[in-house]
């Protein structure tokens, strides 16, 4: 299974994977019945989750809603540590994840706007270096595991700051190497195999280090850091299959 998923991620475009994913997962769910792990997003329990990733991680992909560690962490924060479920807000969701998409659309207090370069489930399609919305258009922005793909993340972060209203917040997670002090990027590295070697994936243009929150601050955001291993119990981390070394950064516009 690890080999099959890794092969599909390498050779099929994301829009195609989005279209076929639920059919593929539906065939696997009967083999995963159990109650050892639980998804915070859809509430489903299984014997185990599926593997996922080009460099495959075991027991991380929910076969019901397709959530991963970062999605279950974000949803846990939104449900238990924020007023997200009740306060009226306008939300810009960039590269909308399937596990969130249908659920966010149902929130009566959320004016939900989706965007992506090519995703078939996105409402708007544009380049993040030039976001086609006026200043202060949104109360929230979700954009996860996207900044490692863009040419100039500092320009994109400044655009997010511009379209966010004062008092709003953004969740902008990136794949981050906790042992790496400084973010590494080199625009001269363009060959897919070299990008995979240095940045982790063939379509990544940088690998983030512990200085990532400094980039958020440079754009003007105030940053709250929530480290999984210190905020949640070992039992919760194991039950929900969170990544213990992941930090959730809440970027606010004061």
C-alpha atoms as a PDB file:
ATOM      1  CA  UNK A   1       0.000   0.000   0.000  1.00  0.00           C
ATOM      2  CA  UNK A   2       2.838   2.382   0.843  1.00  0.00           C
ATOM      3  CA  UNK A   3       4.403   1.760  -2.554  1.00  0.00           C
ATOM      4  CA  UNK A   4       1.119   2.288  -4.430  1.00  0.00           C
ATOM      5  CA  UNK A   5       0.291   5.576  -2.707  1.00  0.00           C
ATOM      6  CA  UNK A   6       3.850   6.849  -3.100  1.00  0.00           C
ATOM      7  CA  UNK A   7       3.770   5.965  -6.825  1.00  0.00           C
ATOM      8  CA  UNK A   8       0.432   7.742  -7.341  1.00  0.00           C
ATOM      9  CA  UNK A   9       1.680  10.890  -5.590  1.00  0.00           C
ATOM     10  CA  UNK A  10       4.772  10.937  -7.787  1.00  0.00           C
ATOM     11  CA  UNK A  11       3.164  10.418 -11.179  1.00  0.00           C
ATOM     12  CA  UNK A  12      -0.440  11.677 -11.098  1.00  0.00           C
ATOM     13  CA  UNK A  13      -1.415  15.366 -11.083  1.00  0.00           C
ATOM     14  CA  UNK A  14      -3.206  16.661  -7.986  1.00  0.00           C
ATOM     15  CA  UNK A  15      -6.549  17.449  -9.724  1.00  0.00           C
ATOM     16  CA  UNK A  16      -6.769  13.832 -10.900  1.00  0.00           C
ATOM     17  CA  UNK A  17      -5.962  12.498  -7.435  1.00  0.00           C
ATOM     18  CA  UNK A  18      -8.665  14.723  -5.934  1.00  0.00           C
ATOM     19  CA  UNK A  19     -11.255  13.292  -8.322  1.00  0.00           C
ATOM     20  CA  UNK A  20     -10.485   9.612  -7.688  1.00  0.00           C
ATOM     21  CA  UNK A  21      -9.510   9.683  -4.019  1.00  0.00           C
ATOM     22  CA  UNK A  22     -12.885   8.962  -2.426  1.00  0.00           C
ATOM     23  CA  UNK A  23     -13.573   6.022  -4.755  1.00  0.00           C
ATOM     24  CA  UNK A  24     -10.171   4.586  -3.922  1.00  0.00           C
ATOM     25  CA  UNK A  25     -10.625   5.054  -0.179  1.00  0.00           C
ATOM     26  CA  UNK A  26     -14.142   3.612  -0.197  1.00  0.00           C
ATOM     27  CA  UNK A  27     -12.761   0.272  -1.307  1.00  0.00           C
ATOM     28  CA  UNK A  28     -10.227   0.208   1.545  1.00  0.00           C
ATOM     29  CA  UNK A  29     -12.367   1.218   4.534  1.00  0.00           C
ATOM     30  CA  UNK A  30     -13.859  -2.254   5.221  1.00  0.00           C
ATOM     31  CA  UNK A  31     -10.350  -3.603   5.832  1.00  0.00           C
ATOM     32  CA  UNK A  32      -9.594  -0.962   8.479  1.00  0.00           C
ATOM     33  CA  UNK A  33     -12.499  -1.426  10.895  1.00  0.00           C
ATOM     34  CA  UNK A  34     -11.536  -0.847  14.521  1.00  0.00           C
ATOM     35  CA  UNK A  35     -11.216   1.746  17.267  1.00  0.00           C
ATOM     36  CA  UNK A  36      -7.507   2.333  17.807  1.00  0.00           C
ATOM     37  CA  UNK A  37      -7.264   5.695  16.006  1.00  0.00           C
ATOM     38  CA  UNK A  38      -9.783   8.517  15.587  1.00  0.00           C
ATOM     39  CA  UNK A  39     -10.064  11.434  13.164  1.00  0.00           C
ATOM     40  CA  UNK A  40     -10.775  14.830  14.780  1.00  0.00           C
ATOM     41  CA  UNK A  41     -12.236  16.113  11.501  1.00  0.00           C
ATOM     42  CA  UNK A  42     -14.861  13.506  10.577  1.00  0.00           C
ATOM     43  CA  UNK A  43     -15.035  11.644  13.902  1.00  0.00           C
ATOM     44  CA  UNK A  44     -14.451   8.232  12.309  1.00  0.00           C
ATOM     45  CA  UNK A  45     -12.497   5.530  14.144  1.00  0.00           C
ATOM     46  CA  UNK A  46     -10.371   2.785  12.587  1.00  0.00           C
ATOM     47  CA  UNK A  47      -7.942   0.037  13.440  1.00  0.00           C
ATOM     48  CA  UNK A  48      -5.313   2.204  11.830  1.00  0.00           C
ATOM     49  CA  UNK A  49      -4.993   4.965   9.263  1.00  0.00           C
ATOM     50  CA  UNK A  50      -3.367   4.527   5.855  1.00  0.00           C
ATOM     51  CA  UNK A  51       0.214   5.446   4.932  1.00  0.00           C
ATOM     52  CA  UNK A  52       0.842   8.630   2.961  1.00  0.00           C
ATOM     53  CA  UNK A  53       3.578  10.740   1.393  1.00  0.00           C
ATOM     54  CA  UNK A  54       6.319  10.576  -1.204  1.00  0.00           C
ATOM     55  CA  UNK A  55       8.538   9.611   1.730  1.00  0.00           C
ATOM     56  CA  UNK A  56       5.808   7.415   3.146  1.00  0.00           C
ATOM     57  CA  UNK A  57       4.593   7.950   6.723  1.00  0.00           C
ATOM     58  CA  UNK A  58       2.698   5.075   8.355  1.00  0.00           C
ATOM     59  CA  UNK A  59      -0.743   5.348   9.935  1.00  0.00           C
ATOM     60  CA  UNK A  60      -1.546   8.981   9.011  1.00  0.00           C
ATOM     61  CA  UNK A  61      -4.226   9.210   6.260  1.00  0.00           C
ATOM     62  CA  UNK A  62      -7.867   8.970   7.346  1.00  0.00           C
ATOM     63  CA  UNK A  63      -9.685   6.775   4.800  1.00  0.00           C
ATOM     64  CA  UNK A  64     -13.009   8.485   5.507  1.00  0.00           C
ATOM     65  CA  UNK A  65     -12.225  12.202   4.971  1.00  0.00           C
ATOM     66  CA  UNK A  66      -8.559  12.071   3.810  1.00  0.00           C
ATOM     67  CA  UNK A  67      -7.239  14.118   6.727  1.00  0.00           C
ATOM     68  CA  UNK A  68      -3.545  14.018   7.636  1.00  0.00           C
ATOM     69  CA  UNK A  69      -1.726  14.955  10.863  1.00  0.00           C
ATOM     70  CA  UNK A  70      -1.807  18.686  10.108  1.00  0.00           C
ATOM     71  CA  UNK A  71      -5.519  18.665   9.281  1.00  0.00           C
ATOM     72  CA  UNK A  72      -6.462  16.892  12.501  1.00  0.00           C
ATOM     73  CA  UNK A  73      -4.314  19.369  14.455  1.00  0.00           C
ATOM     74  CA  UNK A  74      -5.901  22.395  12.765  1.00  0.00           C
ATOM     75  CA  UNK A  75      -9.427  21.077  13.323  1.00  0.00           C
ATOM     76  CA  UNK A  76      -8.660  20.335  16.964  1.00  0.00           C
ATOM     77  CA  UNK A  77      -7.494  23.931  17.390  1.00  0.00           C
ATOM     78  CA  UNK A  78     -10.543  25.382  15.617  1.00  0.00           C
ATOM     79  CA  UNK A  79     -13.018  23.317  17.652  1.00  0.00           C
ATOM     80  CA  UNK A  80     -11.441  23.498  21.097  1.00  0.00           C
ATOM     81  CA  UNK A  81      -9.146  26.519  21.245  1.00  0.00           C
ATOM     82  CA  UNK A  82     -10.934  29.173  19.160  1.00  0.00           C
ATOM     83  CA  UNK A  83     -14.347  30.793  18.640  1.00  0.00           C
ATOM     84  CA  UNK A  84     -14.368  29.617  15.030  1.00  0.00           C
ATOM     85  CA  UNK A  85     -17.634  27.609  15.228  1.00  0.00           C
ATOM     86  CA  UNK A  86     -19.731  30.605  16.376  1.00  0.00           C
ATOM     87  CA  UNK A  87     -18.296  33.973  15.323  1.00  0.00           C
ATOM     88  CA  UNK A  88     -19.339  35.321  11.865  1.00  0.00           C
ATOM     89  CA  UNK A  89     -16.346  35.515   9.556  1.00  0.00           C
ATOM     90  CA  UNK A  90     -15.322  35.622   5.909  1.00  0.00           C
ATOM     91  CA  UNK A  91     -12.774  32.917   5.137  1.00  0.00           C
ATOM     92  CA  UNK A  92     -10.352  32.602   2.213  1.00  0.00           C
ATOM     93  CA  UNK A  93      -9.282  28.968   1.864  1.00  0.00           C
ATOM     94  CA  UNK A  94      -6.352  28.535  -0.526  1.00  0.00           C
ATOM     95  CA  UNK A  95      -5.745  25.049  -1.944  1.00  0.00           C
ATOM     96  CA  UNK A  96      -8.845  23.764  -0.122  1.00  0.00           C
ATOM     97  CA  UNK A  97      -8.322  20.382   1.464  1.00  0.00           C
ATOM     98  CA  UNK A  98     -11.042  17.840   0.785  1.00  0.00           C
ATOM     99  CA  UNK A  99     -11.402  16.956   4.452  1.00  0.00           C
ATOM    100  CA  UNK A 100     -12.314  20.581   5.254  1.00  0.00           C
ATOM    101  CA  UNK A 101     -14.177  21.630   2.109  1.00  0.00           C
ATOM    102  CA  UNK A 102     -17.674  20.186   2.654  1.00  0.00           C
ATOM    103  CA  UNK A 103     -17.593  20.858   6.390  1.00  0.00           C
ATOM    104  CA  UNK A 104     -16.620  24.521   6.083  1.00  0.00           C
ATOM    105  CA  UNK A 105     -19.322  25.100   3.478  1.00  0.00           C
ATOM    106  CA  UNK A 106     -21.945  24.020   6.029  1.00  0.00           C
ATOM    107  CA  UNK A 107     -20.999  26.554   8.716  1.00  0.00           C
ATOM    108  CA  UNK A 108     -23.770  29.156   8.800  1.00  0.00           C
ATOM    109  CA  UNK A 109     -21.445  31.762  10.343  1.00  0.00           C
ATOM    110  CA  UNK A 110     -18.769  31.413   7.619  1.00  0.00           C
ATOM    111  CA  UNK A 111     -18.730  33.209   4.250  1.00  0.00           C
ATOM    112  CA  UNK A 112     -16.543  30.598   2.576  1.00  0.00           C
ATOM    113  CA  UNK A 113     -14.327  31.524  -0.415  1.00  0.00           C
ATOM    114  CA  UNK A 114     -12.015  28.947  -2.032  1.00  0.00           C
ATOM    115  CA  UNK A 115      -9.059  29.553  -4.348  1.00  0.00           C
ATOM    116  CA  UNK A 116      -6.302  27.618  -6.103  1.00  0.00           C
ATOM    117  CA  UNK A 117      -4.295  27.687  -9.313  1.00  0.00           C
ATOM    118  CA  UNK A 118      -5.921  24.521 -10.674  1.00  0.00           C
ATOM    119  CA  UNK A 119      -7.923  22.575  -8.092  1.00  0.00           C
ATOM    120  CA  UNK A 120     -11.299  21.429  -9.494  1.00  0.00           C
ATOM    121  CA  UNK A 121     -13.030  22.172  -6.189  1.00  0.00           C
ATOM    122  CA  UNK A 122     -11.831  25.802  -5.932  1.00  0.00           C
ATOM    123  CA  UNK A 123     -14.124  28.717  -6.777  1.00  0.00           C
ATOM    124  CA  UNK A 124     -11.393  31.175  -7.850  1.00  0.00           C
ATOM    125  CA  UNK A 125      -8.161  30.505  -9.726  1.00  0.00           C
ATOM    126  CA  UNK A 126      -5.276  32.978  -9.434  1.00  0.00           C
ATOM    127  CA  UNK A 127      -1.586  33.457  -8.629  1.00  0.00           C
ATOM    128  CA  UNK A 128      -0.976  34.106  -4.927  1.00  0.00           C
ATOM    129  CA  UNK A 129       1.655  36.725  -5.759  1.00  0.00           C
ATOM    130  CA  UNK A 130      -1.227  38.950  -6.909  1.00  0.00           C
ATOM    131  CA  UNK A 131      -4.397  38.152  -4.966  1.00  0.00           C
ATOM    132  CA  UNK A 132      -7.359  39.759  -6.775  1.00  0.00           C
ATOM    133  CA  UNK A 133      -9.202  40.960  -3.646  1.00  0.00           C
ATOM    134  CA  UNK A 134      -9.245  44.375  -2.017  1.00  0.00           C
ATOM    135  CA  UNK A 135      -7.443  45.203   1.226  1.00  0.00           C
ATOM    136  CA  UNK A 136      -9.063  43.758   4.323  1.00  0.00           C
ATOM    137  CA  UNK A 137     -11.417  41.414   2.483  1.00  0.00           C
ATOM    138  CA  UNK A 138     -11.182  38.456   4.891  1.00  0.00           C
ATOM    139  CA  UNK A 139     -11.315  37.661   8.597  1.00  0.00           C
ATOM    140  CA  UNK A 140      -9.476  34.342   8.183  1.00  0.00           C
ATOM    141  CA  UNK A 141      -7.088  32.759   5.708  1.00  0.00           C
ATOM    142  CA  UNK A 142      -6.232  29.057   5.537  1.00  0.00           C
ATOM    143  CA  UNK A 143      -3.334  28.128   3.259  1.00  0.00           C
ATOM    144  CA  UNK A 144      -1.518  24.946   4.233  1.00  0.00           C
ATOM    145  CA  UNK A 145       1.509  23.338   2.575  1.00  0.00           C
ATOM    146  CA  UNK A 146       1.471  25.837  -0.284  1.00  0.00           C
ATOM    147  CA  UNK A 147       4.216  28.365   0.525  1.00  0.00           C
ATOM    148  CA  UNK A 148       6.937  25.810  -0.203  1.00  0.00           C
ATOM    149  CA  UNK A 149       5.675  25.780  -3.827  1.00  0.00           C
ATOM    150  CA  UNK A 150       5.584  29.534  -4.590  1.00  0.00           C
ATOM    151  CA  UNK A 151       8.415  31.483  -6.182  1.00  0.00           C
ATOM    152  CA  UNK A 152       8.517  34.256  -3.570  1.00  0.00           C
ATOM    153  CA  UNK A 153       6.901  33.398  -0.266  1.00  0.00           C
ATOM    154  CA  UNK A 154       7.585  36.855   1.171  1.00  0.00           C
ATOM    155  CA  UNK A 155       5.451  38.479  -1.531  1.00  0.00           C
ATOM    156  CA  UNK A 156       2.686  35.934  -0.918  1.00  0.00           C
ATOM    157  CA  UNK A 157       2.798  36.547   2.839  1.00  0.00           C
ATOM    158  CA  UNK A 158       2.544  40.296   2.247  1.00  0.00           C
ATOM    159  CA  UNK A 159      -0.505  39.660   0.046  1.00  0.00           C
ATOM    160  CA  UNK A 160      -2.110  37.593   2.801  1.00  0.00           C
ATOM    161  CA  UNK A 161      -1.435  40.419   5.252  1.00  0.00           C
ATOM    162  CA  UNK A 162      -2.981  42.925   2.843  1.00  0.00           C
ATOM    163  CA  UNK A 163      -6.270  41.074   2.287  1.00  0.00           C
ATOM    164  CA  UNK A 164      -6.673  40.152   5.981  1.00  0.00           C
ATOM    165  CA  UNK A 165      -8.755  42.469   8.132  1.00  0.00           C
ATOM    166  CA  UNK A 166      -7.362  43.897  11.392  1.00  0.00           C
ATOM    167  CA  UNK A 167      -8.173  41.405  14.132  1.00  0.00           C
ATOM    168  CA  UNK A 168      -8.170  38.497  11.679  1.00  0.00           C
ATOM    169  CA  UNK A 169      -5.902  35.477  11.697  1.00  0.00           C
ATOM    170  CA  UNK A 170      -4.299  33.079   9.240  1.00  0.00           C
ATOM    171  CA  UNK A 171      -3.262  29.434   9.495  1.00  0.00           C
ATOM    172  CA  UNK A 172      -0.364  28.979   7.070  1.00  0.00           C
ATOM    173  CA  UNK A 173       1.257  25.643   7.855  1.00  0.00           C
ATOM    174  CA  UNK A 174       4.342  24.497   5.933  1.00  0.00           C
ATOM    175  CA  UNK A 175       6.422  21.306   5.966  1.00  0.00           C
ATOM    176  CA  UNK A 176       9.109  22.311   8.459  1.00  0.00           C
ATOM    177  CA  UNK A 177      12.256  20.481   9.536  1.00  0.00           C
ATOM    178  CA  UNK A 178      12.544  21.101  13.304  1.00  0.00           C
ATOM    179  CA  UNK A 179      16.284  20.349  13.314  1.00  0.00           C
ATOM    180  CA  UNK A 180      16.981  22.883  10.561  1.00  0.00           C
ATOM    181  CA  UNK A 181      17.737  26.353  11.909  1.00  0.00           C
ATOM    182  CA  UNK A 182      17.394  28.390   8.685  1.00  0.00           C
ATOM    183  CA  UNK A 183      15.114  27.976   5.688  1.00  0.00           C
ATOM    184  CA  UNK A 184      17.034  26.801   2.632  1.00  0.00           C
ATOM    185  CA  UNK A 185      16.157  27.912  -0.891  1.00  0.00           C
ATOM    186  CA  UNK A 186      18.125  28.165  -4.125  1.00  0.00           C
ATOM    187  CA  UNK A 187      16.310  29.384  -7.285  1.00  0.00           C
ATOM    188  CA  UNK A 188      19.020  27.853  -9.464  1.00  0.00           C
ATOM    189  CA  UNK A 189      17.806  24.378  -8.476  1.00  0.00           C
ATOM    190  CA  UNK A 190      15.093  23.642 -11.037  1.00  0.00           C
ATOM    191  CA  UNK A 191      15.589  20.001 -12.051  1.00  0.00           C
ATOM    192  CA  UNK A 192      12.858  17.841 -10.427  1.00  0.00           C
ATOM    193  CA  UNK A 193      15.234  15.225  -9.008  1.00  0.00           C
ATOM    194  CA  UNK A 194      17.476  17.886  -7.527  1.00  0.00           C
ATOM    195  CA  UNK A 195      14.485  19.643  -5.974  1.00  0.00           C
ATOM    196  CA  UNK A 196      13.384  16.369  -4.442  1.00  0.00           C
ATOM    197  CA  UNK A 197      16.885  15.846  -3.076  1.00  0.00           C
ATOM    198  CA  UNK A 198      17.266  19.292  -1.525  1.00  0.00           C
ATOM    199  CA  UNK A 199      13.660  20.356  -0.817  1.00  0.00           C
ATOM    200  CA  UNK A 200      11.852  17.051  -0.252  1.00  0.00           C
ATOM    201  CA  UNK A 201       9.589  17.076  -3.330  1.00  0.00           C
ATOM    202  CA  UNK A 202      10.060  17.773  -7.016  1.00  0.00           C
ATOM    203  CA  UNK A 203       7.586  20.681  -6.909  1.00  0.00           C
ATOM    204  CA  UNK A 204       9.046  22.335  -3.777  1.00  0.00           C
ATOM    205  CA  UNK A 205      11.339  25.340  -4.075  1.00  0.00           C
ATOM    206  CA  UNK A 206      12.474  25.624  -0.442  1.00  0.00           C
ATOM    207  CA  UNK A 207      12.638  23.684   2.806  1.00  0.00           C
ATOM    208  CA  UNK A 208      11.619  25.593   5.927  1.00  0.00           C
ATOM    209  CA  UNK A 209      13.552  25.687   9.162  1.00  0.00           C
ATOM    210  CA  UNK A 210      12.870  27.031  12.637  1.00  0.00           C
ATOM    211  CA  UNK A 211      13.053  30.591  11.289  1.00  0.00           C
ATOM    212  CA  UNK A 212       9.673  30.191   9.561  1.00  0.00           C
ATOM    213  CA  UNK A 213       7.763  32.215  12.204  1.00  0.00           C
ATOM    214  CA  UNK A 214      10.270  35.045  11.623  1.00  0.00           C
ATOM    215  CA  UNK A 215       9.059  35.231   8.021  1.00  0.00           C
ATOM    216  CA  UNK A 216       5.503  35.565   9.295  1.00  0.00           C
ATOM    217  CA  UNK A 217       6.581  38.383  11.617  1.00  0.00           C
ATOM    218  CA  UNK A 218       8.467  40.129   8.807  1.00  0.00           C
ATOM    219  CA  UNK A 219       5.179  40.280   6.892  1.00  0.00           C
ATOM    220  CA  UNK A 220       3.564  42.014   9.869  1.00  0.00           C
ATOM    221  CA  UNK A 221       1.873  39.116  11.658  1.00  0.00           C
ATOM    222  CA  UNK A 222       1.857  38.452  15.378  1.00  0.00           C
ATOM    223  CA  UNK A 223       2.607  34.751  15.846  1.00  0.00           C
ATOM    224  CA  UNK A 224       1.254  32.299  18.405  1.00  0.00           C
ATOM    225  CA  UNK A 225       3.026  28.938  18.454  1.00  0.00           C
ATOM    226  CA  UNK A 226       1.267  25.773  19.674  1.00  0.00           C
ATOM    227  CA  UNK A 227       3.653  22.824  19.981  1.00  0.00           C
ATOM    228  CA  UNK A 228       1.814  19.497  19.794  1.00  0.00           C
ATOM    229  CA  UNK A 229       4.042  17.645  22.270  1.00  0.00           C
ATOM    230  CA  UNK A 230       3.502  20.241  25.022  1.00  0.00           C
ATOM    231  CA  UNK A 231      -0.132  21.173  24.343  1.00  0.00           C
ATOM    232  CA  UNK A 232      -1.680  17.696  23.987  1.00  0.00           C
ATOM    233  CA  UNK A 233      -1.327  14.526  26.037  1.00  0.00           C
ATOM    234  CA  UNK A 234       0.530  11.477  24.680  1.00  0.00           C
ATOM    235  CA  UNK A 235      -2.812   9.648  24.640  1.00  0.00           C
ATOM    236  CA  UNK A 236      -4.405  12.336  22.424  1.00  0.00           C
ATOM    237  CA  UNK A 237      -1.364  12.449  20.148  1.00  0.00           C
ATOM    238  CA  UNK A 238      -1.495   8.679  19.668  1.00  0.00           C
ATOM    239  CA  UNK A 239      -5.292   8.473  19.359  1.00  0.00           C
ATOM    240  CA  UNK A 240      -5.542  11.260  16.779  1.00  0.00           C
ATOM    241  CA  UNK A 241      -2.217  10.411  15.119  1.00  0.00           C
ATOM    242  CA  UNK A 242      -0.789  13.924  15.456  1.00  0.00           C
ATOM    243  CA  UNK A 243       2.854  14.713  14.705  1.00  0.00           C
ATOM    244  CA  UNK A 244       4.470  15.315  18.150  1.00  0.00           C
ATOM    245  CA  UNK A 245       7.142  17.648  16.764  1.00  0.00           C
ATOM    246  CA  UNK A 246       4.710  19.799  14.740  1.00  0.00           C
ATOM    247  CA  UNK A 247       4.024  23.394  15.760  1.00  0.00           C
ATOM    248  CA  UNK A 248       0.788  25.106  14.767  1.00  0.00           C
ATOM    249  CA  UNK A 249       1.428  28.780  13.975  1.00  0.00           C
ATOM    250  CA  UNK A 250      -1.495  31.194  14.322  1.00  0.00           C
ATOM    251  CA  UNK A 251      -0.611  34.385  12.417  1.00  0.00           C
ATOM    252  CA  UNK A 252      -2.732  37.353  13.552  1.00  0.00           C
ATOM    253  CA  UNK A 253      -3.167  40.867  12.182  1.00  0.00           C
ATOM    254  CA  UNK A 254      -3.445  43.152  15.197  1.00  0.00           C
END
